[in-house]
N, C-alpha and C. Protein backbone atom coordinates (compact mmCIF):
# COMPACT_ATOMS: atom_id res chain seq x y z
N MET A 1 -19.31 -240.96 203.48
CA MET A 1 -19.59 -240.46 202.31
C MET A 1 -20.74 -239.50 202.69
N SER A 2 -20.49 -238.22 202.24
CA SER A 2 -21.52 -237.12 202.55
C SER A 2 -22.71 -237.00 201.46
N GLU A 3 -23.75 -236.38 201.90
CA GLU A 3 -24.97 -236.30 201.13
C GLU A 3 -24.69 -235.12 200.01
N ILE A 4 -25.29 -235.38 199.08
CA ILE A 4 -25.34 -234.24 197.85
C ILE A 4 -26.06 -233.15 198.60
N THR A 5 -25.38 -231.90 198.12
CA THR A 5 -25.98 -230.66 198.49
C THR A 5 -26.93 -230.08 197.65
N GLU A 6 -27.84 -229.02 198.20
CA GLU A 6 -28.95 -228.49 197.60
C GLU A 6 -28.18 -227.72 196.10
N ALA A 7 -27.14 -227.17 196.25
CA ALA A 7 -26.54 -226.48 195.12
C ALA A 7 -25.96 -227.62 193.97
N GLU A 8 -25.75 -228.79 194.44
CA GLU A 8 -25.57 -229.85 193.55
C GLU A 8 -26.67 -230.37 192.85
N LEU A 9 -27.74 -230.35 193.65
CA LEU A 9 -28.84 -230.93 192.97
C LEU A 9 -29.47 -230.01 192.18
N GLU A 10 -29.41 -228.63 192.52
CA GLU A 10 -30.12 -227.43 191.56
C GLU A 10 -29.05 -227.37 190.29
N GLU A 11 -27.82 -227.83 190.53
CA GLU A 11 -26.63 -227.49 189.10
C GLU A 11 -27.39 -228.79 188.13
N ILE A 12 -27.90 -230.02 188.73
CA ILE A 12 -28.00 -230.97 187.66
C ILE A 12 -29.79 -230.75 187.29
N GLU A 13 -30.17 -230.13 188.10
CA GLU A 13 -31.65 -229.92 187.90
C GLU A 13 -32.51 -231.22 188.37
N ALA A 14 -31.99 -231.94 189.39
CA ALA A 14 -32.76 -232.95 189.79
C ALA A 14 -34.19 -233.19 190.17
N LEU A 15 -34.95 -233.94 189.33
CA LEU A 15 -36.43 -234.28 190.09
C LEU A 15 -36.28 -235.46 191.17
N PHE A 16 -37.45 -235.47 191.94
CA PHE A 16 -37.42 -236.21 193.06
C PHE A 16 -38.57 -237.11 192.89
N VAL A 17 -38.29 -238.33 193.62
CA VAL A 17 -39.35 -239.34 193.69
C VAL A 17 -39.40 -240.09 194.90
N GLN A 18 -40.71 -239.64 195.84
CA GLN A 18 -40.65 -240.56 197.11
C GLN A 18 -41.89 -241.28 197.04
N THR A 19 -41.63 -242.68 197.57
CA THR A 19 -42.40 -243.79 197.72
C THR A 19 -43.05 -243.99 199.29
N SER A 20 -44.10 -244.56 199.27
CA SER A 20 -44.76 -244.95 200.52
C SER A 20 -45.66 -246.24 200.26
N SER A 21 -46.01 -246.97 201.62
CA SER A 21 -46.64 -247.98 201.45
C SER A 21 -47.97 -247.71 201.74
N GLY A 22 -48.40 -246.45 202.15
CA GLY A 22 -49.85 -246.04 202.53
C GLY A 22 -49.93 -244.48 202.39
N PHE A 23 -50.89 -243.97 202.50
CA PHE A 23 -51.20 -242.50 202.07
C PHE A 23 -52.54 -241.96 202.88
N GLU A 24 -52.46 -240.95 203.66
CA GLU A 24 -53.52 -240.53 204.14
C GLU A 24 -53.72 -239.05 204.01
N SER A 25 -54.72 -238.14 203.89
CA SER A 25 -54.96 -236.79 203.60
C SER A 25 -56.26 -236.31 204.43
N THR A 26 -55.74 -235.25 204.95
CA THR A 26 -56.73 -234.49 205.60
C THR A 26 -56.89 -233.02 204.92
N GLU A 27 -57.83 -232.13 205.33
CA GLU A 27 -57.98 -230.96 204.67
C GLU A 27 -56.63 -230.07 204.64
N GLY A 28 -56.07 -230.01 203.37
CA GLY A 28 -54.95 -229.32 203.40
C GLY A 28 -53.52 -229.80 203.66
N ARG A 29 -53.52 -231.23 203.96
CA ARG A 29 -52.48 -231.87 204.28
C ARG A 29 -52.39 -233.43 203.92
N ILE A 30 -51.11 -233.81 203.22
CA ILE A 30 -51.09 -235.25 202.93
C ILE A 30 -50.02 -235.78 203.95
N THR A 31 -50.07 -237.14 203.84
CA THR A 31 -49.03 -237.80 204.60
C THR A 31 -48.73 -239.21 203.77
N LEU A 32 -47.47 -239.20 203.60
CA LEU A 32 -46.87 -240.62 203.04
C LEU A 32 -46.55 -241.51 204.04
N LYS A 33 -47.50 -242.64 204.44
CA LYS A 33 -47.13 -243.46 205.64
C LYS A 33 -46.12 -244.66 205.17
N GLY A 34 -45.41 -244.93 206.14
CA GLY A 34 -44.23 -246.16 205.45
C GLY A 34 -43.40 -245.42 204.50
N VAL A 35 -42.92 -244.19 204.63
CA VAL A 35 -42.20 -243.62 203.44
C VAL A 35 -40.92 -244.16 203.43
N SER A 36 -40.38 -244.28 202.18
CA SER A 36 -39.13 -244.91 202.03
C SER A 36 -37.97 -244.03 202.81
N PRO A 37 -36.81 -244.53 203.25
CA PRO A 37 -36.13 -244.01 204.16
C PRO A 37 -35.10 -243.12 203.03
N SER A 38 -35.00 -243.38 201.72
CA SER A 38 -34.29 -242.70 200.77
C SER A 38 -35.47 -242.01 199.79
N THR A 39 -34.93 -240.86 199.25
CA THR A 39 -35.64 -240.16 198.11
C THR A 39 -34.86 -240.38 196.60
N LEU A 40 -35.31 -240.64 195.76
CA LEU A 40 -34.62 -241.33 194.57
C LEU A 40 -34.42 -239.63 193.89
N TYR A 41 -33.46 -239.37 193.42
CA TYR A 41 -33.09 -238.17 192.50
C TYR A 41 -32.80 -238.60 191.00
N PHE A 42 -33.02 -237.83 190.12
CA PHE A 42 -32.67 -238.02 188.57
C PHE A 42 -32.60 -236.71 187.88
N SER A 43 -31.68 -236.86 186.86
CA SER A 43 -31.69 -235.59 186.20
C SER A 43 -31.97 -236.21 184.83
N ASP A 44 -32.43 -235.10 183.79
CA ASP A 44 -32.71 -235.35 182.28
C ASP A 44 -31.56 -235.26 181.55
N ARG A 45 -31.50 -235.23 180.39
CA ARG A 45 -30.23 -235.29 179.54
C ARG A 45 -29.77 -233.67 179.59
N PRO A 46 -28.52 -233.52 179.45
CA PRO A 46 -27.63 -234.63 179.01
C PRO A 46 -26.83 -235.09 180.09
N LYS A 47 -27.03 -234.44 181.37
CA LYS A 47 -26.35 -235.02 182.51
C LYS A 47 -26.60 -236.74 182.87
N ARG A 48 -28.04 -236.98 182.99
CA ARG A 48 -28.57 -238.13 183.16
C ARG A 48 -27.77 -238.86 184.39
N GLU A 49 -28.23 -238.15 185.64
CA GLU A 49 -27.56 -238.40 186.69
C GLU A 49 -28.64 -239.30 187.71
N VAL A 50 -28.52 -240.11 188.31
CA VAL A 50 -29.39 -240.68 189.39
C VAL A 50 -28.79 -240.96 190.61
N GLY A 51 -29.49 -240.91 191.89
CA GLY A 51 -29.01 -241.34 192.98
C GLY A 51 -29.96 -241.11 194.16
N HIS A 52 -29.59 -241.51 195.26
CA HIS A 52 -30.63 -241.41 196.44
C HIS A 52 -29.95 -240.55 197.45
N ILE A 53 -30.84 -239.84 198.17
CA ILE A 53 -30.56 -239.25 199.56
C ILE A 53 -31.44 -239.46 200.53
N SER A 54 -31.13 -239.21 201.69
CA SER A 54 -31.98 -239.79 202.78
C SER A 54 -33.34 -238.95 202.74
N SER A 55 -34.34 -239.44 203.12
CA SER A 55 -35.57 -238.63 203.06
C SER A 55 -35.30 -237.49 204.16
N GLN A 56 -34.82 -237.63 205.26
CA GLN A 56 -34.37 -236.79 206.27
C GLN A 56 -33.41 -235.60 205.86
N HIS A 57 -32.60 -236.19 204.66
CA HIS A 57 -31.79 -235.00 204.25
C HIS A 57 -32.49 -234.04 203.21
N PHE A 58 -33.44 -234.81 202.44
CA PHE A 58 -34.22 -233.85 201.58
C PHE A 58 -35.20 -232.85 202.51
N VAL A 59 -35.50 -233.27 203.33
CA VAL A 59 -36.30 -232.43 204.47
C VAL A 59 -35.28 -231.24 204.79
N ASP A 60 -34.15 -231.73 205.36
CA ASP A 60 -33.18 -230.65 205.78
C ASP A 60 -32.86 -229.58 204.75
N ILE A 61 -32.78 -229.98 203.67
CA ILE A 61 -32.38 -228.94 202.70
C ILE A 61 -33.45 -228.16 201.90
N TRP A 62 -35.00 -228.53 202.33
CA TRP A 62 -35.74 -227.87 202.03
C TRP A 62 -35.65 -226.36 201.91
N ASP A 63 -35.06 -225.79 202.67
CA ASP A 63 -35.02 -224.25 202.73
C ASP A 63 -33.59 -223.84 202.49
N ASP A 64 -32.68 -224.47 201.95
CA ASP A 64 -31.38 -224.03 201.45
C ASP A 64 -31.19 -223.49 200.23
N GLY A 65 -30.30 -222.52 200.15
CA GLY A 65 -30.29 -221.86 198.92
C GLY A 65 -31.17 -220.79 198.55
N GLU A 66 -30.74 -220.00 197.22
CA GLU A 66 -31.50 -218.77 196.98
C GLU A 66 -32.75 -219.37 196.05
N ASN A 67 -32.73 -220.31 195.61
CA ASN A 67 -33.98 -221.02 194.85
C ASN A 67 -34.40 -222.41 195.62
N SER A 68 -34.82 -222.01 196.96
CA SER A 68 -35.23 -223.47 197.78
C SER A 68 -36.55 -223.59 197.60
N PHE A 69 -37.12 -224.92 197.92
CA PHE A 69 -38.61 -225.22 197.85
C PHE A 69 -39.24 -224.25 198.84
N GLU A 70 -38.71 -223.71 199.95
CA GLU A 70 -39.27 -222.88 201.04
C GLU A 70 -39.53 -221.49 200.21
N ILE A 71 -38.73 -220.86 199.31
CA ILE A 71 -39.09 -219.73 198.68
C ILE A 71 -40.00 -220.01 197.41
N ASP A 72 -39.74 -221.00 196.83
CA ASP A 72 -40.49 -221.45 195.76
C ASP A 72 -40.79 -222.91 195.44
N PRO A 73 -42.15 -222.93 196.30
CA PRO A 73 -42.59 -224.32 196.39
C PRO A 73 -42.67 -225.16 195.12
N PRO A 74 -42.46 -226.36 195.16
CA PRO A 74 -42.51 -227.34 194.10
C PRO A 74 -43.94 -227.79 193.53
N ASN A 75 -44.13 -227.93 192.57
CA ASN A 75 -45.33 -228.66 192.04
C ASN A 75 -44.83 -230.23 192.27
N ALA A 76 -45.95 -231.08 192.47
CA ALA A 76 -45.57 -232.66 192.39
C ALA A 76 -46.73 -233.35 191.99
N VAL A 77 -46.54 -234.51 191.61
CA VAL A 77 -47.57 -235.42 191.24
C VAL A 77 -47.86 -236.64 192.05
N LEU A 78 -48.81 -236.86 192.58
CA LEU A 78 -49.16 -238.03 193.29
C LEU A 78 -49.62 -239.03 192.57
N SER A 79 -49.17 -240.28 192.28
CA SER A 79 -49.56 -241.12 191.58
C SER A 79 -49.76 -242.64 192.35
N PHE A 80 -51.14 -243.06 192.59
CA PHE A 80 -51.62 -243.97 193.47
C PHE A 80 -51.54 -245.41 192.69
N LEU A 81 -51.05 -246.19 193.53
CA LEU A 81 -51.32 -247.77 193.03
C LEU A 81 -51.98 -248.33 194.15
N SER A 82 -52.89 -248.97 193.38
CA SER A 82 -53.91 -249.87 194.41
C SER A 82 -54.16 -251.22 193.73
N SER A 83 -54.52 -252.26 194.58
CA SER A 83 -55.24 -253.36 193.99
C SER A 83 -56.56 -253.24 193.54
N GLU A 84 -57.31 -252.15 194.23
CA GLU A 84 -58.65 -251.69 193.79
C GLU A 84 -58.43 -250.55 192.88
N ALA A 85 -59.57 -250.34 192.42
CA ALA A 85 -59.54 -248.73 191.29
C ALA A 85 -58.75 -247.67 191.94
N ALA A 86 -57.66 -247.40 191.50
CA ALA A 86 -56.84 -246.29 191.94
C ALA A 86 -57.38 -244.97 191.51
N PRO A 87 -57.24 -244.03 192.44
CA PRO A 87 -57.97 -242.77 191.83
C PRO A 87 -56.83 -242.20 190.82
N GLU A 88 -57.02 -241.38 190.07
CA GLU A 88 -56.37 -240.64 189.07
C GLU A 88 -55.59 -239.74 189.58
N ASP A 89 -53.99 -239.39 188.96
CA ASP A 89 -53.05 -238.78 189.69
C ASP A 89 -53.61 -237.42 190.11
N ALA A 90 -53.20 -236.81 191.01
CA ALA A 90 -53.41 -235.46 191.15
C ALA A 90 -52.12 -234.75 191.41
N VAL A 91 -52.23 -233.33 190.95
CA VAL A 91 -51.07 -232.38 190.85
C VAL A 91 -51.44 -231.22 191.80
N VAL A 92 -50.29 -231.21 192.65
CA VAL A 92 -50.35 -230.40 193.94
C VAL A 92 -49.08 -229.31 193.85
N VAL A 93 -49.26 -228.46 194.84
CA VAL A 93 -47.99 -227.71 195.48
C VAL A 93 -47.83 -228.11 196.89
N ILE A 94 -46.36 -228.41 196.93
CA ILE A 94 -45.99 -228.90 198.48
C ILE A 94 -45.42 -227.98 199.17
N THR A 95 -45.74 -227.78 200.29
CA THR A 95 -44.96 -227.06 201.47
C THR A 95 -44.77 -227.57 202.74
N ASP A 96 -44.15 -227.04 203.59
CA ASP A 96 -43.94 -227.26 204.99
C ASP A 96 -43.76 -228.82 205.25
N PRO A 97 -42.71 -229.42 204.72
CA PRO A 97 -42.63 -231.06 204.94
C PRO A 97 -42.20 -231.33 206.55
N GLN A 98 -42.80 -232.33 206.92
CA GLN A 98 -42.42 -232.86 208.33
C GLN A 98 -42.39 -234.28 208.38
N LEU A 99 -41.16 -234.60 208.88
CA LEU A 99 -40.98 -235.83 209.05
C LEU A 99 -40.67 -236.49 210.40
N VAL A 100 -41.64 -237.75 210.57
CA VAL A 100 -41.76 -238.19 211.92
C VAL A 100 -41.74 -239.64 211.74
N GLY A 101 -40.65 -240.28 212.25
CA GLY A 101 -40.45 -241.76 212.12
C GLY A 101 -40.54 -241.95 210.64
N ASP A 102 -41.52 -242.86 210.13
CA ASP A 102 -41.67 -243.04 208.68
C ASP A 102 -42.77 -242.43 208.22
N SER A 103 -42.99 -241.34 208.60
CA SER A 103 -44.47 -240.61 208.11
C SER A 103 -43.99 -239.14 207.80
N LEU A 104 -43.97 -238.93 206.32
CA LEU A 104 -43.65 -237.55 205.85
C LEU A 104 -44.78 -237.05 205.26
N SER A 105 -45.23 -235.91 205.68
CA SER A 105 -46.36 -235.04 205.58
C SER A 105 -45.73 -233.67 204.79
N TYR A 106 -46.82 -233.25 204.08
CA TYR A 106 -46.66 -231.86 203.40
C TYR A 106 -48.05 -231.04 203.34
N ALA A 107 -47.84 -229.64 203.61
CA ALA A 107 -49.05 -228.82 203.32
C ALA A 107 -49.13 -228.73 201.84
N ILE A 108 -50.49 -228.91 201.29
CA ILE A 108 -50.75 -228.79 199.91
C ILE A 108 -51.63 -227.82 199.43
N ASP A 109 -51.53 -227.46 198.09
CA ASP A 109 -52.52 -226.75 197.23
C ASP A 109 -52.92 -227.67 196.19
N LEU A 110 -53.88 -227.97 196.07
CA LEU A 110 -54.45 -228.90 194.85
C LEU A 110 -54.85 -228.10 193.86
N LEU A 111 -53.99 -228.57 192.77
CA LEU A 111 -53.91 -227.90 191.20
C LEU A 111 -55.02 -228.60 190.09
N ASP A 112 -54.81 -229.95 190.58
CA ASP A 112 -55.46 -230.76 189.49
C ASP A 112 -55.91 -232.19 190.04
N GLY A 113 -57.06 -232.54 189.95
CA GLY A 113 -57.38 -233.88 190.38
C GLY A 113 -58.12 -233.95 191.57
N THR A 114 -57.91 -235.00 192.05
CA THR A 114 -58.66 -235.14 193.33
C THR A 114 -58.02 -236.27 194.54
N ILE A 115 -58.07 -235.91 195.53
CA ILE A 115 -57.12 -236.73 196.49
C ILE A 115 -58.21 -237.49 197.54
N PRO A 116 -57.90 -238.90 197.59
CA PRO A 116 -58.53 -239.51 198.27
C PRO A 116 -58.19 -239.40 200.12
N ALA A 117 -59.02 -239.63 200.97
CA ALA A 117 -58.80 -239.63 202.48
C ALA A 117 -57.65 -240.64 202.95
N HIS A 118 -57.53 -241.56 202.10
CA HIS A 118 -56.39 -242.80 202.38
C HIS A 118 -56.26 -243.56 200.96
N SER A 119 -55.15 -244.32 200.93
CA SER A 119 -55.09 -244.86 199.93
C SER A 119 -53.70 -246.07 200.25
N GLY A 120 -53.65 -247.08 199.45
CA GLY A 120 -52.34 -248.00 199.49
C GLY A 120 -51.29 -247.27 199.23
N PRO A 121 -50.40 -247.94 198.31
CA PRO A 121 -48.99 -247.55 197.78
C PRO A 121 -49.15 -245.99 197.01
N VAL A 122 -48.33 -245.37 196.98
CA VAL A 122 -48.21 -244.06 196.42
C VAL A 122 -46.91 -243.59 196.17
N SER A 123 -46.75 -242.94 195.14
CA SER A 123 -45.61 -242.06 194.61
C SER A 123 -45.57 -240.78 194.35
N LEU A 124 -44.71 -240.02 194.81
CA LEU A 124 -44.67 -238.56 195.02
C LEU A 124 -43.59 -237.95 194.05
N PHE A 125 -43.88 -237.47 192.90
CA PHE A 125 -42.91 -237.02 191.87
C PHE A 125 -42.93 -235.48 191.82
N ILE A 126 -41.60 -235.13 192.45
CA ILE A 126 -41.64 -233.61 192.71
C ILE A 126 -40.44 -232.83 191.55
N ASP A 127 -40.92 -231.69 191.49
CA ASP A 127 -40.18 -230.89 190.31
C ASP A 127 -38.95 -230.62 190.94
N PRO A 128 -37.95 -230.11 189.86
CA PRO A 128 -36.59 -229.59 190.40
C PRO A 128 -36.61 -228.40 191.03
N MET A 129 -35.62 -228.13 192.17
CA MET A 129 -35.39 -226.89 192.39
C MET A 129 -35.09 -225.68 191.82
N GLY A 130 -35.94 -224.82 192.24
CA GLY A 130 -35.68 -223.57 191.17
C GLY A 130 -36.56 -223.57 190.00
N ARG A 131 -36.99 -224.38 189.38
CA ARG A 131 -37.69 -224.56 188.27
C ARG A 131 -39.18 -224.95 188.12
N PRO A 132 -40.00 -224.68 188.94
CA PRO A 132 -41.58 -225.14 189.14
C PRO A 132 -42.16 -225.02 187.76
N LEU A 133 -41.79 -224.12 187.10
CA LEU A 133 -42.72 -223.84 185.76
C LEU A 133 -41.92 -224.36 184.44
N SER A 134 -40.80 -225.26 184.48
CA SER A 134 -39.95 -225.44 183.53
C SER A 134 -40.89 -226.36 182.51
N PRO A 135 -40.75 -226.39 181.25
CA PRO A 135 -41.59 -227.31 180.47
C PRO A 135 -41.47 -228.88 180.73
N GLY A 136 -40.13 -229.13 180.90
CA GLY A 136 -39.88 -230.45 181.60
C GLY A 136 -40.62 -231.03 182.98
N SER A 137 -41.05 -230.14 183.79
CA SER A 137 -41.18 -230.39 185.39
C SER A 137 -42.34 -231.58 185.07
N VAL A 138 -42.50 -232.18 185.98
CA VAL A 138 -43.52 -233.14 185.96
C VAL A 138 -44.91 -232.83 185.83
N ALA A 139 -45.13 -231.63 186.60
CA ALA A 139 -46.66 -231.08 186.27
C ALA A 139 -46.74 -230.36 184.91
N GLY A 140 -45.69 -229.82 184.38
CA GLY A 140 -45.69 -229.22 183.17
C GLY A 140 -46.14 -230.48 181.98
N VAL A 141 -45.47 -231.57 182.35
CA VAL A 141 -45.72 -232.82 181.52
C VAL A 141 -47.42 -232.85 181.44
N ARG A 142 -47.63 -233.17 182.82
CA ARG A 142 -49.22 -233.54 182.91
C ARG A 142 -50.03 -232.64 182.28
N ARG A 143 -49.72 -231.31 182.22
CA ARG A 143 -50.59 -230.20 181.73
C ARG A 143 -50.48 -230.45 180.19
N ARG A 144 -49.47 -230.77 179.58
CA ARG A 144 -49.16 -231.09 178.16
C ARG A 144 -50.02 -232.37 177.79
N GLN A 145 -50.06 -233.28 178.55
CA GLN A 145 -50.81 -234.46 178.16
C GLN A 145 -52.21 -234.17 178.10
N ARG A 146 -52.72 -233.57 179.00
CA ARG A 146 -54.25 -233.02 179.24
C ARG A 146 -54.82 -232.30 178.21
N ARG A 147 -53.87 -231.34 177.73
CA ARG A 147 -54.20 -230.37 176.50
C ARG A 147 -54.05 -231.47 175.33
N ARG A 148 -53.26 -232.37 175.08
CA ARG A 148 -53.30 -233.25 173.97
C ARG A 148 -54.55 -234.14 173.87
N MET A 149 -55.18 -234.53 174.96
CA MET A 149 -56.44 -235.14 174.85
C MET A 149 -57.48 -234.60 174.66
N ARG A 150 -57.61 -233.09 174.82
CA ARG A 150 -58.75 -232.41 174.56
C ARG A 150 -58.96 -232.24 172.98
């Protein structure tokens, strides 16, 4: 069975979720430690498709196509889960993915929130290819929620 292509993921406007058992950050870079070997993708109405691609394939198609993440980096939301007080979610722009073993790192530009030096389990919710400013993007939803709370 072959992996889904970048064009197919863009066609369904797939959003992505990556999960890991741990998290570290250094200035300008985050690392998902113990990252799942698969990246979940799903699409909104009307298609409502869901599936998994290997995290390696996700990194491999990063620079594929006219609307690639390389050309137009995605917004993403880091959502922390911890037995202790978890930090608030953080909105970032991610670039330069590097997968080594079960560690997946990204260069980041922090848009909102704070990022701890380390954490337990974390999920990274990534906007669709070619649509970082769409109203339904994960970062767009977060912005709308903040505006409503004001």
